[in-house]
Amino acid sequence: MSFELEPGETVPATTLFANDSTRRAIVLWRDPETRASPETVLIRGERTLWRTDKGITLGTPLATLRRLNGKPLTLTGFGPNLGGTVLDCNGGSLTEFGQDGPRGIVGRMLVVRVEPDPALRDTAAYQQTIGESELSSESDAMRTLNPRAYDLMVEIRAR
């Protein structure tokens, strides 16, 4: 099967539990021909049974991510192309976020994308968060919107 990773970018993939939206996971492979080494596992939607070892799942609010981290998080502004991506834990305990996460121990990087309730899109707080800029989870706008996780992506690092 193919999967549209981003608009216009289709890649070979395997869907686990295709008929159960609460267990569905999409696996992208390092070598799509042999499917011997997973590269990324995607969890998308409104609800899932999947959770990280720290309890992060679809629907987890940004305020909870911030609390679990113990420090402010940095994320991208919202927009049409994968906005609301948590970029950095800023030295907090969610070290699996961002490019500088643990390499030899955990062997994975977690990408979480958040979005606010669509009913808040006409608010001043939402308008302050649109664009490609980097924002803090501590900003007044992010606290007001308290966006929730809608996309989890685990990138498995080759050892």
Protein backbone atom coordinates (compact mmCIF):
# COMPACT_ATOMS: atom_id res chain seq x y z
CA MET A 1 0.00 0.00 0.00
CA SER A 2 1.06 3.63 -0.39
CA PHE A 3 0.63 6.37 2.12
CA GLU A 4 0.52 10.13 1.56
CA LEU A 5 3.06 11.36 4.09
CA GLU A 6 2.62 15.01 3.13
CA PRO A 7 0.53 16.59 0.37
CA GLY A 8 1.98 15.28 -2.90
CA GLU A 9 4.48 12.89 -1.27
CA THR A 10 3.44 9.22 -1.42
CA VAL A 11 5.59 6.45 0.07
CA PRO A 12 5.21 2.65 0.38
CA ALA A 13 3.82 1.65 3.80
CA THR A 14 2.18 -1.10 5.82
CA THR A 15 -1.01 -0.45 7.77
CA LEU A 16 -1.48 -2.40 10.98
CA PHE A 17 -5.07 -2.95 12.18
CA ALA A 18 -6.47 -1.19 9.09
CA ASN A 19 -10.09 -1.88 10.10
CA ASP A 20 -9.76 -0.62 13.69
CA SER A 21 -9.23 3.14 13.93
CA THR A 22 -8.31 2.92 17.63
CA ARG A 23 -5.41 0.52 16.92
CA ARG A 24 -4.39 1.63 13.41
CA ALA A 25 -0.69 2.32 12.90
CA ILE A 26 1.18 3.00 9.69
CA VAL A 27 4.71 1.66 9.31
CA LEU A 28 7.18 3.24 6.88
CA TRP A 29 10.20 1.13 6.02
CA ARG A 30 13.89 1.89 5.52
CA ASP A 31 13.81 -0.60 2.65
CA PRO A 32 10.25 -0.86 1.30
CA GLU A 33 11.16 -3.93 -0.80
CA THR A 34 12.24 -6.20 2.08
CA ARG A 35 10.26 -4.48 4.86
CA ALA A 36 12.95 -5.74 7.21
CA SER A 37 13.65 -2.53 9.11
CA PRO A 38 10.96 -0.06 10.22
CA GLU A 39 11.89 3.60 9.97
CA THR A 40 8.77 5.38 11.22
CA VAL A 41 5.48 4.47 12.88
CA LEU A 42 2.61 6.95 12.46
CA ILE A 43 -0.47 7.21 14.64
CA ARG A 44 -3.10 9.67 13.40
CA GLY A 45 -6.71 10.44 14.14
CA GLU A 46 -8.91 11.41 17.04
CA ARG A 47 -8.45 8.43 19.37
CA THR A 48 -6.08 5.53 19.72
CA LEU A 49 -5.14 2.83 22.18
CA TRP A 50 -1.43 3.49 21.48
CA ARG A 51 0.51 5.56 24.04
CA THR A 52 4.15 6.29 24.71
CA ASP A 53 5.90 5.08 27.84
CA LYS A 54 5.12 8.50 29.37
CA GLY A 55 1.41 8.28 28.51
CA ILE A 56 1.38 10.59 25.47
CA THR A 57 -1.40 9.66 23.05
CA LEU A 58 -3.74 11.26 20.53
CA GLY A 59 -5.73 13.94 22.31
CA THR A 60 -3.05 14.72 24.90
CA PRO A 61 -3.28 18.48 25.60
CA LEU A 62 -0.26 20.76 25.27
CA ALA A 63 -0.63 21.66 28.97
CA THR A 64 -0.08 17.97 29.83
CA LEU A 65 2.96 17.75 27.54
CA ARG A 66 4.37 20.86 29.23
CA ARG A 67 3.74 19.35 32.69
CA LEU A 68 5.37 16.04 31.72
CA ASN A 69 8.36 17.94 30.33
CA GLY A 70 8.82 20.13 33.39
CA LYS A 71 9.92 23.02 31.16
CA PRO A 72 8.38 25.02 28.31
CA LEU A 73 8.25 23.33 24.91
CA THR A 74 9.04 24.99 21.59
CA LEU A 75 6.65 24.33 18.71
CA THR A 76 5.89 25.62 15.26
CA GLY A 77 3.00 27.92 14.54
CA PHE A 78 -0.18 26.54 13.00
CA GLY A 79 -0.82 26.47 9.29
CA PRO A 80 -1.74 24.26 6.37
CA ASN A 81 1.53 22.27 6.20
CA LEU A 82 1.98 20.25 9.37
CA GLY A 83 1.93 23.14 11.82
CA GLY A 84 1.86 22.70 15.57
CA THR A 85 4.90 20.41 15.62
CA VAL A 86 6.70 20.16 18.96
CA LEU A 87 10.34 20.93 18.11
CA ASP A 88 12.25 20.96 21.38
CA CYS A 89 11.96 19.99 25.04
CA ASN A 90 14.40 22.77 26.03
CA GLY A 91 16.26 20.59 28.50
CA GLY A 92 13.11 19.09 30.02
CA SER A 93 12.35 15.43 30.64
CA LEU A 94 10.71 14.69 27.27
CA THR A 95 14.12 14.16 25.68
CA GLU A 96 12.60 12.08 22.88
CA PHE A 97 11.37 15.36 21.31
CA GLY A 98 13.61 17.04 18.77
CA GLN A 99 16.74 16.16 16.88
CA ASP A 100 18.96 16.06 19.97
CA GLY A 101 17.08 13.28 21.75
CA PRO A 102 18.89 10.25 23.15
CA ARG A 103 20.58 8.22 20.45
CA GLY A 104 21.97 4.98 21.81
CA ILE A 105 19.63 4.42 24.74
CA VAL A 106 16.07 4.92 23.52
CA GLY A 107 16.78 4.63 19.80
CA ARG A 108 13.81 6.74 18.77
CA MET A 109 12.61 10.27 18.31
CA LEU A 110 9.02 11.28 18.97
CA VAL A 111 7.32 13.88 16.80
CA VAL A 112 4.03 15.20 18.18
CA ARG A 113 1.79 17.58 16.27
CA VAL A 114 -0.94 19.49 18.08
CA GLU A 115 -3.90 21.53 16.93
CA PRO A 116 -6.50 23.61 18.76
CA ASP A 117 -10.21 22.98 18.70
CA PRO A 118 -11.49 24.13 15.27
CA ALA A 119 -14.05 26.34 17.06
CA LEU A 120 -11.13 28.52 18.23
CA ARG A 121 -9.83 29.31 14.73
CA ASP A 122 -11.58 32.68 14.63
CA THR A 123 -10.07 33.85 17.92
CA ALA A 124 -7.29 36.39 18.41
CA ALA A 125 -5.20 33.72 20.16
CA TYR A 126 -5.31 31.49 17.08
CA GLN A 127 -4.42 34.37 14.77
CA GLN A 128 -1.29 34.99 16.90
CA THR A 129 -0.12 31.40 16.32
CA ILE A 130 -0.44 31.17 12.53
CA GLY A 131 2.75 30.97 10.52
CA GLU A 132 6.13 29.34 10.39
CA SER A 133 7.53 30.98 13.51
CA GLU A 134 8.60 29.07 16.60
CA LEU A 135 6.41 29.55 19.66
CA SER A 136 6.66 28.68 23.33
CA SER A 137 4.11 26.52 25.08
CA GLU A 138 4.20 29.28 27.72
CA SER A 139 2.82 31.97 25.41
CA ASP A 140 -0.56 33.39 26.32
CA ALA A 141 -1.96 32.28 22.96
CA MET A 142 -0.82 28.65 23.42
CA ARG A 143 -2.15 28.56 26.97
CA THR A 144 -5.51 29.89 25.75
CA LEU A 145 -5.74 27.44 22.84
CA ASN A 146 -4.30 24.43 24.72
CA PRO A 147 -4.03 22.41 21.48
CA ARG A 148 -4.22 18.60 21.57
CA ALA A 149 -2.11 15.94 19.87
CA TYR A 150 -3.55 14.75 16.56
CA ASP A 151 -0.46 13.11 15.09
CA LEU A 152 2.24 10.96 16.70
CA MET A 153 5.25 9.85 14.74
CA VAL A 154 7.96 7.62 16.18
CA GLU A 155 11.15 7.71 14.15
CA ILE A 156 13.19 4.62 14.90
CA ARG A 157 16.89 5.31 14.77
CA ALA A 158 19.14 2.73 13.19
CA ARG A 159 21.75 1.49 15.58
